[in-house]
N, C-alpha and C. Protein backbone atom coordinates (compact mmCIF):
# COMPACT_ATOMS: atom_id res chain seq x y z
N MET A 1 88.35 97.57 95.05
CA MET A 1 87.71 96.78 96.09
C MET A 1 87.16 95.48 95.51
N SER A 2 86.90 95.42 94.21
CA SER A 2 86.35 94.20 93.63
C SER A 2 87.35 93.06 93.65
N THR A 3 88.66 93.36 93.50
CA THR A 3 89.64 92.28 93.56
C THR A 3 89.89 91.81 94.98
N LEU A 4 89.55 92.66 95.95
CA LEU A 4 89.80 92.28 97.34
C LEU A 4 88.94 91.11 97.77
N PHE A 5 87.69 91.09 97.37
CA PHE A 5 86.79 90.01 97.78
C PHE A 5 86.23 89.29 96.56
N SER A 6 87.09 88.92 95.62
CA SER A 6 86.60 88.36 94.38
C SER A 6 86.26 86.87 94.46
N LEU A 7 86.98 86.08 95.23
CA LEU A 7 86.72 84.64 95.29
C LEU A 7 86.01 84.26 96.57
N GLY A 8 84.73 84.10 96.52
CA GLY A 8 83.98 83.60 97.66
C GLY A 8 84.10 84.44 98.92
N GLY A 9 84.35 85.72 98.79
CA GLY A 9 84.43 86.57 99.96
C GLY A 9 85.80 86.61 100.61
N LEU A 10 86.77 85.81 100.13
CA LEU A 10 88.10 85.83 100.72
C LEU A 10 89.00 86.78 99.95
N PRO A 11 89.90 87.46 100.62
CA PRO A 11 90.78 88.39 99.92
C PRO A 11 91.73 87.65 98.99
N THR A 12 91.94 88.21 97.82
CA THR A 12 92.86 87.61 96.85
C THR A 12 93.72 88.70 96.24
N HIS A 13 94.73 88.28 95.53
CA HIS A 13 95.60 89.20 94.82
C HIS A 13 95.69 88.68 93.39
N PRO A 14 95.68 89.55 92.37
CA PRO A 14 95.66 89.09 90.99
C PRO A 14 96.84 88.18 90.62
N GLN A 15 98.07 88.46 91.11
CA GLN A 15 99.21 87.64 90.75
C GLN A 15 99.24 86.30 91.49
N ASN A 16 98.82 86.28 92.73
CA ASN A 16 98.89 85.06 93.53
C ASN A 16 97.65 84.97 94.41
N PRO A 17 96.59 84.33 93.93
CA PRO A 17 95.33 84.30 94.68
C PRO A 17 95.37 83.48 95.96
N HIS A 18 96.44 82.69 96.17
CA HIS A 18 96.49 81.83 97.36
C HIS A 18 97.43 82.37 98.42
N SER A 19 97.96 83.55 98.24
CA SER A 19 98.92 84.09 99.18
C SER A 19 98.23 84.74 100.36
N TRP A 20 98.45 84.18 101.54
CA TRP A 20 97.85 84.72 102.76
C TRP A 20 98.45 86.08 103.10
N ARG A 21 99.75 86.20 102.98
CA ARG A 21 100.41 87.46 103.29
C ARG A 21 99.94 88.57 102.36
N THR A 22 99.82 88.24 101.08
CA THR A 22 99.38 89.24 100.12
C THR A 22 97.97 89.69 100.44
N SER A 23 97.12 88.74 100.81
CA SER A 23 95.74 89.08 101.15
C SER A 23 95.70 89.99 102.37
N LEU A 24 96.51 89.66 103.35
CA LEU A 24 96.55 90.46 104.56
C LEU A 24 97.08 91.86 104.28
N SER A 25 98.15 91.93 103.48
CA SER A 25 98.70 93.25 103.17
C SER A 25 97.72 94.07 102.34
N LEU A 26 96.98 93.43 101.45
CA LEU A 26 95.96 94.14 100.67
C LEU A 26 94.88 94.68 101.59
N LEU A 27 94.48 93.87 102.55
CA LEU A 27 93.44 94.28 103.47
C LEU A 27 93.87 95.51 104.26
N VAL A 28 95.11 95.52 104.70
CA VAL A 28 95.60 96.64 105.49
C VAL A 28 95.98 97.81 104.58
N TYR A 29 96.60 97.54 103.43
CA TYR A 29 97.11 98.58 102.56
C TYR A 29 96.00 99.47 101.99
N GLN A 30 94.87 98.90 101.65
CA GLN A 30 93.83 99.66 100.98
C GLN A 30 93.02 100.52 101.94
N LYS A 31 93.56 100.77 103.12
CA LYS A 31 92.90 101.64 104.09
C LYS A 31 91.47 101.19 104.37
N THR A 32 91.33 99.89 104.53
CA THR A 32 90.04 99.33 104.88
C THR A 32 89.66 99.80 106.27
N ARG A 33 88.38 99.98 106.50
CA ARG A 33 87.92 100.45 107.80
C ARG A 33 88.33 99.48 108.90
N THR A 34 88.54 100.02 110.08
CA THR A 34 88.99 99.22 111.22
C THR A 34 87.98 98.15 111.58
N ASP A 35 86.68 98.46 111.54
CA ASP A 35 85.69 97.45 111.91
C ASP A 35 85.68 96.31 110.89
N THR A 36 85.94 96.59 109.61
CA THR A 36 86.02 95.53 108.60
C THR A 36 87.24 94.66 108.86
N GLN A 37 88.36 95.27 109.20
CA GLN A 37 89.56 94.50 109.50
C GLN A 37 89.36 93.63 110.73
N MET A 38 88.65 94.15 111.73
CA MET A 38 88.40 93.36 112.94
C MET A 38 87.44 92.21 112.67
N LYS A 39 86.48 92.40 111.78
CA LYS A 39 85.61 91.28 111.38
C LYS A 39 86.44 90.21 110.70
N PHE A 40 87.36 90.62 109.83
CA PHE A 40 88.26 89.68 109.17
C PHE A 40 89.08 88.93 110.21
N TYR A 41 89.57 89.65 111.21
CA TYR A 41 90.36 89.02 112.27
C TYR A 41 89.53 87.99 113.03
N LYS A 42 88.31 88.36 113.40
CA LYS A 42 87.48 87.46 114.20
C LYS A 42 86.96 86.27 113.41
N VAL A 43 86.75 86.44 112.10
CA VAL A 43 86.15 85.38 111.29
C VAL A 43 87.21 84.49 110.63
N VAL A 44 88.35 85.05 110.24
CA VAL A 44 89.34 84.28 109.49
C VAL A 44 90.63 84.06 110.27
N THR A 45 91.23 85.13 110.76
CA THR A 45 92.57 85.02 111.34
C THR A 45 92.58 84.27 112.65
N ARG A 46 91.75 84.68 113.61
CA ARG A 46 91.76 84.03 114.93
C ARG A 46 91.37 82.56 114.85
N PRO A 47 90.31 82.17 114.12
CA PRO A 47 90.03 80.74 114.01
C PRO A 47 91.15 79.95 113.33
N SER A 48 91.87 80.58 112.40
CA SER A 48 93.00 79.90 111.76
C SER A 48 94.12 79.66 112.76
N LEU A 49 94.38 80.65 113.60
CA LEU A 49 95.42 80.49 114.61
C LEU A 49 95.05 79.45 115.65
N LEU A 50 93.76 79.35 115.98
CA LEU A 50 93.33 78.48 117.07
C LEU A 50 92.71 77.17 116.61
N TYR A 51 92.89 76.81 115.34
CA TYR A 51 92.29 75.58 114.83
C TYR A 51 92.82 74.38 115.62
N GLY A 52 91.93 73.64 116.23
CA GLY A 52 92.31 72.45 116.98
C GLY A 52 92.85 72.73 118.36
N SER A 53 92.77 73.96 118.83
CA SER A 53 93.39 74.34 120.11
C SER A 53 92.67 73.73 121.31
N GLU A 54 91.51 73.14 121.10
CA GLU A 54 90.78 72.53 122.21
C GLU A 54 91.58 71.40 122.84
N THR A 55 92.41 70.76 122.05
CA THR A 55 93.15 69.60 122.54
C THR A 55 94.63 69.90 122.80
N TRP A 56 95.05 71.13 122.63
CA TRP A 56 96.45 71.47 122.84
C TRP A 56 96.78 71.54 124.32
N VAL A 57 97.98 71.10 124.67
CA VAL A 57 98.57 71.41 125.96
C VAL A 57 99.76 72.28 125.60
N THR A 58 99.60 73.58 125.79
CA THR A 58 100.59 74.52 125.28
C THR A 58 101.68 74.82 126.30
N THR A 59 102.84 75.13 125.78
CA THR A 59 103.93 75.60 126.62
C THR A 59 103.91 77.13 126.60
N LYS A 60 104.70 77.73 127.47
CA LYS A 60 104.77 79.19 127.48
C LYS A 60 105.28 79.72 126.15
N ARG A 61 106.22 79.02 125.55
CA ARG A 61 106.79 79.43 124.26
C ARG A 61 105.71 79.46 123.17
N GLU A 62 104.87 78.43 123.12
CA GLU A 62 103.81 78.38 122.11
C GLU A 62 102.79 79.49 122.33
N MET A 63 102.46 79.76 123.58
CA MET A 63 101.51 80.86 123.85
C MET A 63 102.13 82.20 123.49
N THR A 64 103.41 82.36 123.73
CA THR A 64 104.10 83.59 123.34
C THR A 64 104.06 83.77 121.83
N ASP A 65 104.27 82.70 121.08
CA ASP A 65 104.22 82.77 119.63
C ASP A 65 102.82 83.12 119.13
N LEU A 66 101.79 82.53 119.75
CA LEU A 66 100.42 82.86 119.37
C LEU A 66 100.10 84.33 119.64
N GLU A 67 100.48 84.79 120.81
CA GLU A 67 100.22 86.19 121.16
C GLU A 67 100.99 87.14 120.25
N ALA A 68 102.21 86.75 119.85
CA ALA A 68 102.99 87.59 118.94
C ALA A 68 102.33 87.68 117.57
N ALA A 69 101.80 86.56 117.08
CA ALA A 69 101.10 86.58 115.79
C ALA A 69 99.85 87.44 115.87
N GLU A 70 99.13 87.30 116.97
CA GLU A 70 97.90 88.08 117.14
C GLU A 70 98.21 89.57 117.21
N ILE A 71 99.16 89.95 118.03
CA ILE A 71 99.42 91.38 118.23
C ILE A 71 100.05 91.98 116.98
N SER A 72 100.74 91.19 116.19
CA SER A 72 101.29 91.68 114.93
C SER A 72 100.16 92.13 114.01
N PHE A 73 99.11 91.31 113.91
CA PHE A 73 97.95 91.69 113.09
C PHE A 73 97.26 92.91 113.68
N LEU A 74 97.06 92.93 114.99
CA LEU A 74 96.34 94.03 115.61
C LEU A 74 97.12 95.35 115.49
N ARG A 75 98.44 95.26 115.54
CA ARG A 75 99.25 96.48 115.34
C ARG A 75 99.04 97.04 113.94
N SER A 76 98.97 96.15 112.95
CA SER A 76 98.77 96.63 111.58
C SER A 76 97.38 97.25 111.42
N VAL A 77 96.40 96.75 112.16
CA VAL A 77 95.06 97.33 112.10
C VAL A 77 95.06 98.74 112.67
N THR A 78 95.73 98.92 113.81
CA THR A 78 95.72 100.24 114.45
C THR A 78 96.72 101.20 113.82
N GLY A 79 97.67 100.68 113.05
CA GLY A 79 98.66 101.54 112.42
C GLY A 79 99.89 101.76 113.26
N TYR A 80 99.99 101.10 114.40
CA TYR A 80 101.17 101.22 115.25
C TYR A 80 102.28 100.31 114.73
N THR A 81 103.51 100.67 115.05
CA THR A 81 104.64 99.79 114.78
C THR A 81 105.29 99.45 116.12
N ARG A 82 106.23 98.54 116.09
CA ARG A 82 106.92 98.20 117.34
C ARG A 82 107.76 99.36 117.85
N LEU A 83 108.16 100.23 116.94
CA LEU A 83 108.95 101.40 117.34
C LEU A 83 108.14 102.38 118.17
N ASP A 84 106.82 102.33 118.05
CA ASP A 84 105.96 103.20 118.85
C ASP A 84 105.93 102.80 120.32
N LYS A 85 106.32 101.56 120.60
CA LYS A 85 106.40 101.03 121.97
C LYS A 85 105.06 101.14 122.71
N ILE A 86 104.00 100.76 122.01
CA ILE A 86 102.66 100.71 122.60
C ILE A 86 102.45 99.29 123.12
N ARG A 87 102.04 99.16 124.37
CA ARG A 87 101.85 97.84 124.97
C ARG A 87 100.67 97.11 124.35
N SER A 88 100.76 95.79 124.37
CA SER A 88 99.71 94.96 123.78
C SER A 88 98.36 95.19 124.44
N GLU A 89 98.36 95.37 125.77
CA GLU A 89 97.11 95.58 126.49
C GLU A 89 96.42 96.86 126.02
N VAL A 90 97.20 97.87 125.72
CA VAL A 90 96.64 99.15 125.27
C VAL A 90 95.99 98.98 123.90
N ILE A 91 96.65 98.23 123.02
CA ILE A 91 96.09 97.98 121.68
C ILE A 91 94.81 97.18 121.79
N ARG A 92 94.81 96.14 122.63
CA ARG A 92 93.60 95.32 122.80
C ARG A 92 92.45 96.14 123.38
N ARG A 93 92.77 97.00 124.34
CA ARG A 93 91.74 97.84 124.94
C ARG A 93 91.18 98.82 123.91
N GLU A 94 92.05 99.36 123.08
CA GLU A 94 91.63 100.31 122.05
C GLU A 94 90.71 99.64 121.03
N LEU A 95 91.00 98.39 120.69
CA LEU A 95 90.18 97.66 119.72
C LEU A 95 89.03 96.90 120.38
N GLU A 96 88.96 96.96 121.71
CA GLU A 96 87.92 96.28 122.49
C GLU A 96 87.88 94.79 122.18
N ILE A 97 89.02 94.14 122.37
CA ILE A 97 89.14 92.72 122.07
C ILE A 97 89.91 92.03 123.19
N SER A 98 89.54 90.79 123.49
CA SER A 98 90.25 90.05 124.53
C SER A 98 91.45 89.35 123.91
N GLY A 99 92.37 88.92 124.77
CA GLY A 99 93.58 88.27 124.31
C GLY A 99 93.30 86.89 123.75
N ILE A 100 94.22 86.40 122.93
CA ILE A 100 94.04 85.11 122.28
C ILE A 100 94.09 83.97 123.29
N GLN A 101 94.80 84.16 124.39
CA GLN A 101 94.86 83.11 125.41
C GLN A 101 93.48 82.95 126.07
N ASP A 102 92.78 84.03 126.31
CA ASP A 102 91.44 83.95 126.87
C ASP A 102 90.49 83.21 125.94
N VAL A 103 90.60 83.51 124.66
CA VAL A 103 89.75 82.85 123.66
C VAL A 103 90.08 81.36 123.59
N ARG A 104 91.38 81.02 123.62
CA ARG A 104 91.80 79.61 123.58
C ARG A 104 91.27 78.85 124.79
N LEU A 105 91.33 79.47 125.96
CA LEU A 105 90.82 78.81 127.16
C LEU A 105 89.31 78.63 127.09
N LYS A 106 88.61 79.58 126.49
CA LYS A 106 87.17 79.44 126.31
C LYS A 106 86.85 78.27 125.38
N TYR A 107 87.62 78.15 124.28
CA TYR A 107 87.46 77.02 123.37
C TYR A 107 87.68 75.70 124.11
N LYS A 108 88.74 75.66 124.92
CA LYS A 108 89.09 74.43 125.64
C LYS A 108 88.01 74.07 126.66
N GLN A 109 87.50 75.06 127.38
CA GLN A 109 86.45 74.80 128.37
C GLN A 109 85.18 74.30 127.68
N ASN A 110 84.84 74.89 126.53
CA ASN A 110 83.67 74.43 125.77
C ASN A 110 83.86 72.98 125.34
N TRP A 111 85.07 72.60 124.93
CA TRP A 111 85.34 71.23 124.50
C TRP A 111 85.23 70.26 125.68
N ILE A 112 85.77 70.64 126.83
CA ILE A 112 85.68 69.77 128.01
C ILE A 112 84.21 69.61 128.43
N ASN A 113 83.46 70.70 128.40
CA ASN A 113 82.03 70.61 128.72
C ASN A 113 81.30 69.71 127.73
N HIS A 114 81.68 69.78 126.46
CA HIS A 114 81.09 68.92 125.44
C HIS A 114 81.39 67.45 125.74
N LEU A 115 82.63 67.17 126.12
CA LEU A 115 83.00 65.78 126.44
C LEU A 115 82.25 65.28 127.67
N GLU A 116 82.07 66.13 128.66
CA GLU A 116 81.36 65.73 129.88
C GLU A 116 79.90 65.40 129.60
N ARG A 117 79.30 66.07 128.63
CA ARG A 117 77.89 65.80 128.29
C ARG A 117 77.71 64.49 127.53
N ARG A 118 78.75 64.00 126.88
CA ARG A 118 78.65 62.77 126.09
C ARG A 118 78.51 61.56 127.02
N ASP A 119 77.97 60.47 126.48
CA ASP A 119 77.82 59.27 127.30
C ASP A 119 79.18 58.59 127.51
N ASN A 120 79.24 57.70 128.48
CA ASN A 120 80.50 57.09 128.90
C ASN A 120 81.06 56.08 127.93
N THR A 121 80.33 55.73 126.89
CA THR A 121 80.83 54.74 125.94
C THR A 121 81.71 55.37 124.86
N ARG A 122 81.79 56.69 124.81
CA ARG A 122 82.54 57.37 123.76
C ARG A 122 84.03 57.42 124.08
N LEU A 123 84.85 57.20 123.05
CA LEU A 123 86.30 57.13 123.21
C LEU A 123 86.93 58.44 123.69
N PRO A 124 86.52 59.61 123.18
CA PRO A 124 87.17 60.84 123.68
C PRO A 124 86.98 61.05 125.18
N LYS A 125 85.85 60.63 125.71
CA LYS A 125 85.63 60.77 127.15
C LYS A 125 86.56 59.85 127.92
N HIS A 126 86.78 58.65 127.40
CA HIS A 126 87.74 57.72 128.03
C HIS A 126 89.15 58.30 127.96
N ALA A 127 89.50 58.93 126.84
CA ALA A 127 90.84 59.50 126.69
C ALA A 127 91.04 60.65 127.66
N LEU A 128 90.00 61.41 127.94
CA LEU A 128 90.10 62.52 128.88
C LEU A 128 90.39 62.02 130.29
N LYS A 129 89.79 60.91 130.65
CA LYS A 129 89.93 60.39 132.01
C LYS A 129 91.01 59.32 132.14
N TYR A 130 91.77 59.08 131.08
CA TYR A 130 92.78 58.03 131.07
C TYR A 130 93.90 58.32 132.06
N GLN A 131 94.29 57.29 132.82
CA GLN A 131 95.44 57.37 133.71
C GLN A 131 96.37 56.21 133.40
N HIS A 132 97.61 56.55 133.12
CA HIS A 132 98.60 55.53 132.80
C HIS A 132 99.00 54.80 134.07
N ARG A 133 99.07 53.49 134.00
CA ARG A 133 99.52 52.70 135.14
C ARG A 133 100.93 52.22 134.86
N GLY A 134 101.77 52.32 135.84
CA GLY A 134 103.14 51.88 135.66
C GLY A 134 104.10 52.99 136.03
N ARG A 135 105.35 52.63 135.97
CA ARG A 135 106.39 53.56 136.38
C ARG A 135 106.77 54.47 135.23
N GLU A 136 106.84 55.76 135.53
CA GLU A 136 107.31 56.72 134.53
C GLU A 136 108.66 57.25 134.97
N ARG A 137 109.55 57.42 134.04
CA ARG A 137 110.86 57.93 134.34
C ARG A 137 110.96 59.36 133.83
N GLY A 138 111.76 60.17 134.50
CA GLY A 138 111.95 61.54 134.06
C GLY A 138 110.88 62.46 134.62
N ARG A 139 110.77 63.63 134.01
CA ARG A 139 109.80 64.60 134.52
C ARG A 139 108.39 64.17 134.16
N ARG A 140 107.44 64.69 134.90
CA ARG A 140 106.04 64.35 134.68
C ARG A 140 105.60 64.82 133.31
N ARG A 141 104.76 64.05 132.67
CA ARG A 141 104.24 64.41 131.36
C ARG A 141 103.05 65.34 131.54
N LYS A 142 102.86 66.25 130.59
CA LYS A 142 101.69 67.12 130.62
C LYS A 142 100.51 66.34 130.08
N ARG A 143 99.45 66.32 130.82
CA ARG A 143 98.26 65.57 130.41
C ARG A 143 97.04 66.46 130.55
N TRP A 144 95.96 66.00 129.95
CA TRP A 144 94.69 66.72 130.07
C TRP A 144 94.34 66.93 131.53
N LYS A 145 94.51 65.87 132.31
CA LYS A 145 94.13 65.92 133.71
C LYS A 145 94.95 66.95 134.47
N CYS A 146 96.22 67.12 134.08
CA CYS A 146 97.12 68.02 134.78
C CYS A 146 96.92 69.47 134.40
N VAL A 147 96.19 69.73 133.33
CA VAL A 147 96.04 71.10 132.84
C VAL A 147 94.77 71.71 133.41
N ASN A 148 94.90 72.83 134.06
CA ASN A 148 93.76 73.55 134.59
C ASN A 148 93.06 74.25 133.43
N ALA A 149 91.79 73.91 133.19
CA ALA A 149 91.06 74.46 132.07
C ALA A 149 90.85 75.96 132.21
N GLY A 150 90.83 76.45 133.44
CA GLY A 150 90.63 77.87 133.66
C GLY A 150 91.85 78.70 133.33
N THR A 151 93.04 78.17 133.64
CA THR A 151 94.26 78.94 133.41
C THR A 151 95.11 78.40 132.29
N GLY A 152 94.93 77.12 131.94
CA GLY A 152 95.74 76.52 130.89
C GLY A 152 97.12 76.09 131.37
N GLN A 153 97.39 76.25 132.65
CA GLN A 153 98.69 75.91 133.21
C GLN A 153 98.67 74.50 133.77
N THR A 154 99.81 73.83 133.78
CA THR A 154 99.91 72.50 134.33
C THR A 154 100.01 72.57 135.84
N THR A 155 99.54 71.53 136.51
CA THR A 155 99.60 71.49 137.97
C THR A 155 100.54 70.40 138.42
């Protein structure tokens, strides 16, 4: 257990201290308690996946990829494999955790609320309310204004 948290509390491996996969496999392999693994997920993994997500306008494909990465980690925590054919909702309910899309939308709503509280002279607030003037060709572009903060879907 001493090599697991040897550098500043982050998991490391003696041969390659910078390997994320090795750290993750060590965390799961050493039969670490589920609550410890979930703390690792909430403190390290989920923020890494969602870094900068406040400003993302995501497509369905990107959300699918995020959910796949999340459920892959959660499956390893519970010990299930894809061959067990356990639904993602069941795993989340078992671990008492909300989906990554819900967390991303909460991050985005907090960021929009933060921008609304700022004074009108700040550039990010102007960027949020920006409307392009002129003719656009092709399909409509996804913009902050077009994205519903509650659902994350374009309108």
